[in-house]
Amino acid sequence: MKIRYAFAFFFLISQGLVAQQFSIKGSLKNGLTSEMIQGAAITLKGTAFSAVSKSNGEFAIEKVKMEKFVLNINAEGFQSYQAQINVKEDLSLGTITLFPMGYEAPSGALQKTIRATNVAELFINRPNFLGGNAVYGIPSEPKKLIGDFYLDPNWSKASILLYDKMEVMEGFFVRYNINSNMFEIRAADSDQVRIIPGLKIRNIVWIDAHHKIPRYFVNGMDLKEDGTPISGFFEVLVDGEMPLVRRTKAIIKESNYNTALMIGEKDDQILKRDTYYYIQGKNLIEIPKNKKNLMPVFGEKASEMTAFASQNKVNLKETSSLFVLFTKYNSLFEGFEPLMPKPTENQ
């Protein structure tokens, strides 16, 4: 009789008539102290599935059916956390890092939450977070206006730090419209797109679809130029004591076609222009056009930086030279960590 029931059970599974059940496991760590977090509530949004982290930070949610879920983590005194997961088998999410509410790194433009949380794990070591290939290209623009207003027209997987409750969102794909200061966001394997105004996002990091490296952005509302907060986002190329950032603007170049001579461009074009700045405190200052005006900015290290610039033939018109120069300066201070091996060019 038992054999008959067992055979019937496995037959139902093979036919998809009995839902398979899986477990989701992981652990939580305090990003400031590296201590494990006890008592955090881990839930799957819209379901009754939940768990509470133990004294060693570990948690487990059992008997979960095969489906896509939004994982929510809330711990008293810590920034909340959200990510998409795709349950197809037993999942191990590894160690997820949470940061205390309001915590900021002592120097630099980026919140430590965005700099050092789960970026590497999310994009390299966590295949169970929803992913998928980036979607390349956008619908063609009207014939008379060539180009697009996106910082990068590709969809890139991102980690987002919101102003509201300092919540971290992971596992979504985004692209940024420079002109409207809006982020388009969608879930993996979904055509549904929602819009998040830039004013709601504090920091964001995404994996560049072409270069396969992280790119970091900060909201200009947290910075000031001539004493005034700025609308739009700045890419952080070098972080540290004096960050180097880049702002991209989109301009429309009107057609210069001469009908009589049949020369020139027939269509208007959207062109992207980059401007580079350094940050002192919260003040945003455009990079001077020549080395003579820039070197005094480095204060007591000006002589050392002048010698370095001469030895390395620094040209302030080249992004790579600016990157090398500011990397050198910030590396002179304790705790410096490079964000990327070299700056990327916008698509």
Protein backbone atom coordinates (compact mmCIF):
# COMPACT_ATOMS: atom_id res chain seq x y z
CA MET A 1 0.00 0.00 0.00
CA LYS A 2 2.83 2.43 0.92
CA ILE A 3 4.56 1.68 -2.37
CA ARG A 4 1.35 2.45 -4.23
CA TYR A 5 0.97 5.82 -2.47
CA ALA A 6 4.61 6.71 -3.06
CA PHE A 7 4.27 5.88 -6.75
CA ALA A 8 1.12 8.00 -6.98
CA PHE A 9 2.84 10.93 -5.24
CA PHE A 10 5.84 10.91 -7.59
CA PHE A 11 3.50 10.55 -10.55
CA LEU A 12 1.61 13.70 -9.45
CA ILE A 13 4.90 15.59 -9.07
CA SER A 14 6.00 14.54 -12.54
CA GLN A 15 2.71 15.81 -13.93
CA GLY A 16 3.03 19.13 -12.09
CA LEU A 17 -0.04 18.39 -9.97
CA VAL A 18 1.81 18.67 -6.64
CA ALA A 19 3.64 21.94 -6.02
CA GLN A 20 7.31 21.51 -5.20
CA GLN A 21 8.55 23.31 -2.10
CA PHE A 22 11.93 24.90 -1.48
CA SER A 23 13.87 26.74 1.22
CA ILE A 24 15.44 30.22 1.17
CA LYS A 25 18.44 30.73 3.45
CA GLY A 26 20.89 33.52 4.16
CA SER A 27 22.44 35.66 6.86
CA LEU A 28 22.51 39.36 7.80
CA LYS A 29 25.55 41.46 8.73
CA ASN A 30 25.98 44.97 10.11
CA GLY A 31 28.01 46.84 7.49
CA LEU A 32 29.44 49.20 10.11
CA THR A 33 30.61 46.70 12.75
CA SER A 34 30.56 43.38 10.80
CA GLU A 35 28.46 41.90 13.63
CA MET A 36 25.63 39.58 12.65
CA ILE A 37 22.09 40.98 12.95
CA GLN A 38 19.55 39.27 15.19
CA GLY A 39 15.77 39.82 15.17
CA ALA A 40 15.36 41.14 11.62
CA ALA A 41 12.06 40.35 9.89
CA ILE A 42 12.46 38.67 6.50
CA THR A 43 9.27 38.40 4.42
CA LEU A 44 8.17 37.57 0.90
CA LYS A 45 5.94 40.44 -0.17
CA GLY A 46 2.26 39.58 -0.57
CA THR A 47 2.61 36.16 1.09
CA ALA A 48 2.58 34.61 4.56
CA PHE A 49 6.15 33.35 4.17
CA SER A 50 8.48 34.92 6.74
CA ALA A 51 11.39 34.37 9.10
CA VAL A 52 13.33 36.13 11.85
CA SER A 53 17.13 36.18 11.89
CA LYS A 54 18.85 34.30 14.72
CA SER A 55 21.69 35.41 16.99
CA ASN A 56 24.22 34.35 14.34
CA GLY A 57 22.37 36.39 11.73
CA GLU A 58 21.08 33.36 9.85
CA PHE A 59 17.51 32.99 8.61
CA ALA A 60 15.54 30.36 6.70
CA ILE A 61 12.14 30.41 5.03
CA GLU A 62 10.81 26.92 4.41
CA LYS A 63 8.22 25.31 2.14
CA VAL A 64 8.25 28.06 -0.47
CA LYS A 65 6.64 27.26 -3.82
CA MET A 66 8.27 27.81 -7.20
CA GLU A 67 7.60 31.46 -8.06
CA LYS A 68 9.10 34.95 -8.33
CA PHE A 69 8.98 37.00 -5.12
CA VAL A 70 10.03 40.35 -3.69
CA LEU A 71 12.20 39.77 -0.60
CA ASN A 72 11.82 42.41 2.14
CA ILE A 73 14.15 42.75 5.12
CA ASN A 74 13.46 45.09 8.04
CA ALA A 75 15.62 45.39 11.14
CA GLU A 76 15.14 48.03 13.82
CA GLY A 77 17.66 50.83 13.40
CA PHE A 78 18.79 49.68 9.95
CA GLN A 79 17.99 50.74 6.41
CA SER A 80 15.31 48.53 4.92
CA TYR A 81 16.19 46.24 2.04
CA GLN A 82 14.31 44.90 -0.98
CA ALA A 83 15.30 42.51 -3.76
CA GLN A 84 13.70 40.25 -6.33
CA ILE A 85 14.30 36.51 -6.14
CA ASN A 86 13.34 33.67 -8.43
CA VAL A 87 12.59 30.45 -6.56
CA LYS A 88 13.28 27.43 -8.76
CA GLU A 89 15.27 25.42 -6.23
CA ASP A 90 16.64 25.73 -2.70
CA LEU A 91 18.24 29.19 -2.53
CA SER A 92 21.27 30.37 -0.60
CA LEU A 93 21.42 34.18 -0.66
CA GLY A 94 24.74 34.38 1.15
CA THR A 95 25.45 37.24 3.53
CA ILE A 96 23.38 40.40 3.01
CA THR A 97 24.83 43.60 4.44
CA LEU A 98 22.62 46.20 6.12
CA PHE A 99 23.73 49.64 7.31
CA PRO A 100 22.42 51.66 10.28
CA MET A 101 19.93 54.42 9.49
CA GLY A 102 21.62 57.68 8.55
CA TYR A 103 25.11 56.22 8.36
CA GLU A 104 27.48 58.04 5.99
CA ALA A 105 31.10 57.47 5.16
CA PRO A 106 33.34 60.14 6.75
CA SER A 107 34.51 61.39 3.33
CA GLY A 108 33.53 61.05 -0.29
CA ALA A 109 30.43 61.61 -2.39
CA LEU A 110 28.85 58.18 -2.06
CA GLN A 111 26.81 56.71 0.75
CA LYS A 112 28.68 53.66 2.02
CA THR A 113 25.45 51.74 1.56
CA ILE A 114 25.81 52.07 -2.19
CA ARG A 115 29.60 51.81 -2.27
CA ALA A 116 30.20 48.66 -0.33
CA THR A 117 27.04 46.72 0.39
CA ASN A 118 26.00 43.92 -1.89
CA VAL A 119 27.14 45.15 -5.28
CA ALA A 120 29.76 42.48 -5.94
CA GLU A 121 27.63 39.70 -4.48
CA LEU A 122 24.50 40.83 -6.28
CA PHE A 123 26.03 40.85 -9.75
CA ILE A 124 28.60 38.09 -9.43
CA ASN A 125 27.89 35.69 -6.58
CA ARG A 126 24.10 35.68 -6.42
CA PRO A 127 22.69 33.96 -9.50
CA ASN A 128 19.40 33.41 -7.67
CA PHE A 129 18.54 37.08 -7.71
CA LEU A 130 16.47 37.78 -10.77
CA GLY A 131 18.64 38.70 -13.71
CA GLY A 132 18.68 38.14 -17.41
CA ASN A 133 20.44 39.74 -20.31
CA ALA A 134 20.40 43.48 -20.71
CA VAL A 135 17.96 44.71 -23.33
CA TYR A 136 19.81 46.72 -25.91
CA GLY A 137 18.47 49.62 -27.92
CA ILE A 138 15.39 51.81 -27.70
CA PRO A 139 12.56 52.53 -30.15
CA SER A 140 13.62 54.69 -33.05
CA GLU A 141 13.33 58.43 -32.51
CA PRO A 142 11.28 60.55 -34.92
CA LYS A 143 13.05 60.98 -38.22
CA LYS A 144 13.88 64.64 -37.67
CA LEU A 145 15.48 64.13 -34.27
CA ILE A 146 18.34 61.66 -34.20
CA GLY A 147 19.56 60.21 -30.90
CA ASP A 148 18.08 59.77 -27.44
CA PHE A 149 18.00 61.47 -24.03
CA TYR A 150 19.22 58.43 -22.08
CA LEU A 151 22.55 58.52 -20.28
CA ASP A 152 22.85 54.94 -21.52
CA PRO A 153 20.08 53.51 -23.76
CA ASN A 154 20.76 49.98 -22.49
CA TRP A 155 18.90 48.53 -19.53
CA SER A 156 21.36 47.99 -16.68
CA LYS A 157 20.89 45.98 -13.50
CA ALA A 158 20.96 48.33 -10.52
CA SER A 159 21.10 48.80 -6.79
CA ILE A 160 19.13 51.89 -5.71
CA LEU A 161 19.21 53.85 -2.45
CA LEU A 162 15.98 55.81 -1.94
CA TYR A 163 15.61 58.91 0.22
CA ASP A 164 12.40 57.49 1.73
CA LYS A 165 13.41 55.44 4.79
CA MET A 166 16.85 55.01 3.14
CA GLU A 167 15.53 51.85 1.51
CA VAL A 168 17.79 49.79 -0.76
CA MET A 169 16.25 48.20 -3.87
CA GLU A 170 18.16 45.52 -5.77
CA GLY A 171 17.67 43.27 -8.76
CA PHE A 172 15.84 45.80 -10.98
CA PHE A 173 16.85 47.08 -14.41
CA VAL A 174 17.02 50.83 -15.00
CA ARG A 175 17.90 53.53 -17.48
CA TYR A 176 18.14 57.25 -16.83
CA ASN A 177 16.54 60.01 -18.92
CA ILE A 178 18.84 63.02 -18.63
CA ASN A 179 16.32 65.48 -20.03
CA SER A 180 13.44 64.64 -17.65
CA ASN A 181 15.59 63.55 -14.65
CA MET A 182 13.50 60.36 -14.48
CA PHE A 183 14.52 56.75 -14.03
CA GLU A 184 12.72 54.02 -15.94
CA ILE A 185 12.69 50.83 -13.90
CA ARG A 186 11.46 47.34 -14.67
CA ALA A 187 11.70 43.86 -13.26
CA ALA A 188 13.71 41.21 -15.04
CA ASP A 189 11.86 39.36 -17.80
CA SER A 190 9.10 41.98 -17.73
CA ASP A 191 7.91 44.57 -20.24
CA GLN A 192 6.16 46.65 -17.59
CA VAL A 193 8.05 49.90 -16.92
CA ARG A 194 7.46 52.26 -14.02
CA ILE A 195 8.88 55.73 -13.59
CA ILE A 196 10.73 56.94 -10.49
CA PRO A 197 11.46 60.69 -10.34
CA GLY A 198 15.13 61.43 -9.78
CA LEU A 199 14.30 63.47 -6.69
CA LYS A 200 13.34 60.23 -4.88
CA ILE A 201 16.70 58.53 -5.45
CA ARG A 202 19.77 59.41 -3.37
CA ASN A 203 22.47 57.16 -4.85
CA ILE A 204 22.38 54.49 -7.54
CA VAL A 205 24.89 52.00 -8.88
CA TRP A 206 24.35 49.97 -12.02
CA ILE A 207 26.38 47.45 -13.95
CA ASP A 208 27.36 48.97 -17.29
CA ALA A 209 25.89 46.68 -19.97
CA HIS A 210 28.86 47.21 -22.29
CA HIS A 211 31.88 47.33 -19.95
CA LYS A 212 30.44 44.99 -17.26
CA ILE A 213 31.66 47.18 -14.39
CA PRO A 214 29.76 49.17 -11.72
CA ARG A 215 28.97 52.85 -12.34
CA TYR A 216 28.08 55.04 -9.35
CA PHE A 217 25.79 58.10 -9.34
CA VAL A 218 24.79 60.66 -6.71
CA ASN A 219 21.88 63.09 -6.67
CA GLY A 220 22.85 66.71 -7.26
CA MET A 221 20.30 67.74 -4.62
CA ASP A 222 22.87 66.72 -1.99
CA LEU A 223 25.49 68.99 -3.56
CA LYS A 224 25.69 72.73 -4.14
CA GLU A 225 27.07 74.81 -6.98
CA ASP A 226 27.48 78.48 -6.07
CA GLY A 227 25.42 77.75 -2.95
CA THR A 228 22.47 76.24 -4.83
CA PRO A 229 21.38 72.55 -4.97
CA ILE A 230 21.43 71.05 -8.46
CA SER A 231 18.88 68.99 -10.36
CA GLY A 232 20.21 65.82 -11.97
CA PHE A 233 22.74 63.09 -11.28
CA PHE A 234 26.53 63.08 -11.22
CA GLU A 235 28.65 60.02 -11.93
CA VAL A 236 31.36 59.45 -9.32
CA LEU A 237 34.57 58.49 -11.10
CA VAL A 238 36.88 58.78 -8.09
CA ASP A 239 35.63 58.88 -4.49
CA GLY A 240 37.52 59.89 -1.37
CA GLU A 241 38.83 63.10 0.20
CA MET A 242 38.15 65.08 -3.00
CA PRO A 243 35.85 63.16 -5.37
CA LEU A 244 35.94 63.56 -9.14
CA VAL A 245 32.48 63.53 -10.73
CA ARG A 246 31.02 63.88 -14.20
CA ARG A 247 27.74 65.41 -15.31
CA THR A 248 26.28 64.60 -18.71
CA LYS A 249 23.87 66.95 -20.42
CA ALA A 250 21.90 66.40 -23.63
CA ILE A 251 21.61 69.22 -26.15
CA ILE A 252 19.86 69.43 -29.51
CA LYS A 253 22.00 70.38 -32.50
CA GLU A 254 19.77 71.77 -35.20
CA SER A 255 20.06 70.72 -38.82
CA ASN A 256 22.53 72.73 -40.92
CA TYR A 257 21.52 71.22 -44.25
CA ASN A 258 21.91 73.49 -47.28
CA THR A 259 19.32 72.45 -49.86
CA ALA A 260 20.93 74.34 -52.71
CA LEU A 261 24.38 72.85 -52.14
CA MET A 262 23.05 69.52 -50.79
CA ILE A 263 25.56 69.50 -47.94
CA GLY A 264 25.30 69.36 -44.15
CA GLU A 265 23.16 67.36 -41.72
CA LYS A 266 19.53 66.90 -42.72
CA ASP A 267 18.24 66.02 -39.26
CA ASP A 268 18.39 67.57 -35.83
CA GLN A 269 20.63 65.58 -33.46
CA ILE A 270 20.70 64.95 -29.73
CA LEU A 271 24.29 65.28 -28.54
CA LYS A 272 25.69 64.51 -25.09
CA ARG A 273 28.27 66.73 -23.45
CA ASP A 274 30.29 65.92 -20.32
CA THR A 275 31.44 68.41 -17.69
CA TYR A 276 33.85 67.41 -14.89
CA TYR A 277 33.83 68.67 -11.30
CA TYR A 278 35.57 68.06 -8.02
CA ILE A 279 33.79 68.11 -4.66
CA GLN A 280 34.96 69.90 -1.52
CA GLY A 281 32.60 69.15 1.35
CA LYS A 282 29.24 69.53 -0.38
CA ASN A 283 30.45 72.15 -2.84
CA LEU A 284 30.63 71.25 -6.51
CA ILE A 285 33.39 73.06 -8.44
CA GLU A 286 34.08 72.74 -12.17
CA ILE A 287 37.55 71.49 -13.08
CA PRO A 288 39.73 74.43 -14.23
CA LYS A 289 40.81 74.42 -17.86
CA ASN A 290 44.53 74.46 -17.08
CA LYS A 291 46.85 72.80 -14.56
CA LYS A 292 48.09 76.12 -13.18
CA ASN A 293 44.65 76.91 -11.78
CA LEU A 294 43.93 73.35 -10.63
CA MET A 295 47.07 72.55 -8.64
CA PRO A 296 46.40 75.01 -5.76
CA VAL A 297 43.19 73.08 -5.07
CA PHE A 298 45.31 70.22 -3.69
CA GLY A 299 46.48 72.41 -0.79
CA GLU A 300 49.56 71.16 1.04
CA LYS A 301 49.96 68.39 -1.52
CA ALA A 302 50.01 70.81 -4.47
CA SER A 303 53.78 70.48 -5.06
CA GLU A 304 53.61 66.69 -4.99
CA MET A 305 50.63 66.70 -7.37
CA THR A 306 52.33 69.18 -9.73
CA ALA A 307 55.33 66.87 -10.00
CA PHE A 308 53.06 63.88 -10.55
CA ALA A 309 51.11 65.70 -13.28
CA SER A 310 54.32 66.60 -15.11
CA GLN A 311 55.74 63.08 -14.87
CA ASN A 312 52.49 61.56 -16.19
CA LYS A 313 51.84 64.25 -18.83
CA VAL A 314 48.38 65.01 -17.44
CA ASN A 315 46.07 66.65 -19.96
CA LEU A 316 42.97 68.13 -18.34
CA LYS A 317 41.04 67.69 -21.58
CA GLU A 318 41.33 63.90 -21.30
CA THR A 319 39.04 61.94 -18.98
CA SER A 320 41.72 59.31 -18.39
CA SER A 321 44.24 61.94 -17.23
CA LEU A 322 41.74 63.51 -14.83
CA PHE A 323 40.97 60.05 -13.49
CA VAL A 324 44.66 59.28 -12.91
CA LEU A 325 45.28 62.66 -11.28
CA PHE A 326 42.40 62.44 -8.79
CA THR A 327 43.06 58.77 -8.10
CA LYS A 328 46.63 59.69 -7.13
CA TYR A 329 45.52 62.55 -4.88
CA ASN A 330 42.84 60.56 -3.04
CA SER A 331 45.18 57.58 -2.64
CA LEU A 332 47.38 59.81 -0.44
CA PHE A 333 44.70 59.60 2.27
CA GLU A 334 44.04 56.63 4.51
CA GLY A 335 41.09 54.43 3.62
CA PHE A 336 41.03 55.20 -0.10
CA GLU A 337 39.36 52.53 -2.24
CA PRO A 338 39.17 52.86 -6.04
CA LEU A 339 35.72 52.47 -7.56
CA MET A 340 36.79 51.30 -11.01
CA PRO A 341 39.98 50.49 -12.96
CA LYS A 342 39.28 53.24 -15.51
CA PRO A 343 36.44 55.60 -16.41
CA THR A 344 33.80 54.48 -18.92
CA GLU A 345 32.57 56.49 -21.87
CA ASN A 346 28.87 57.15 -22.29
CA GLN A 347 27.10 55.29 -25.09
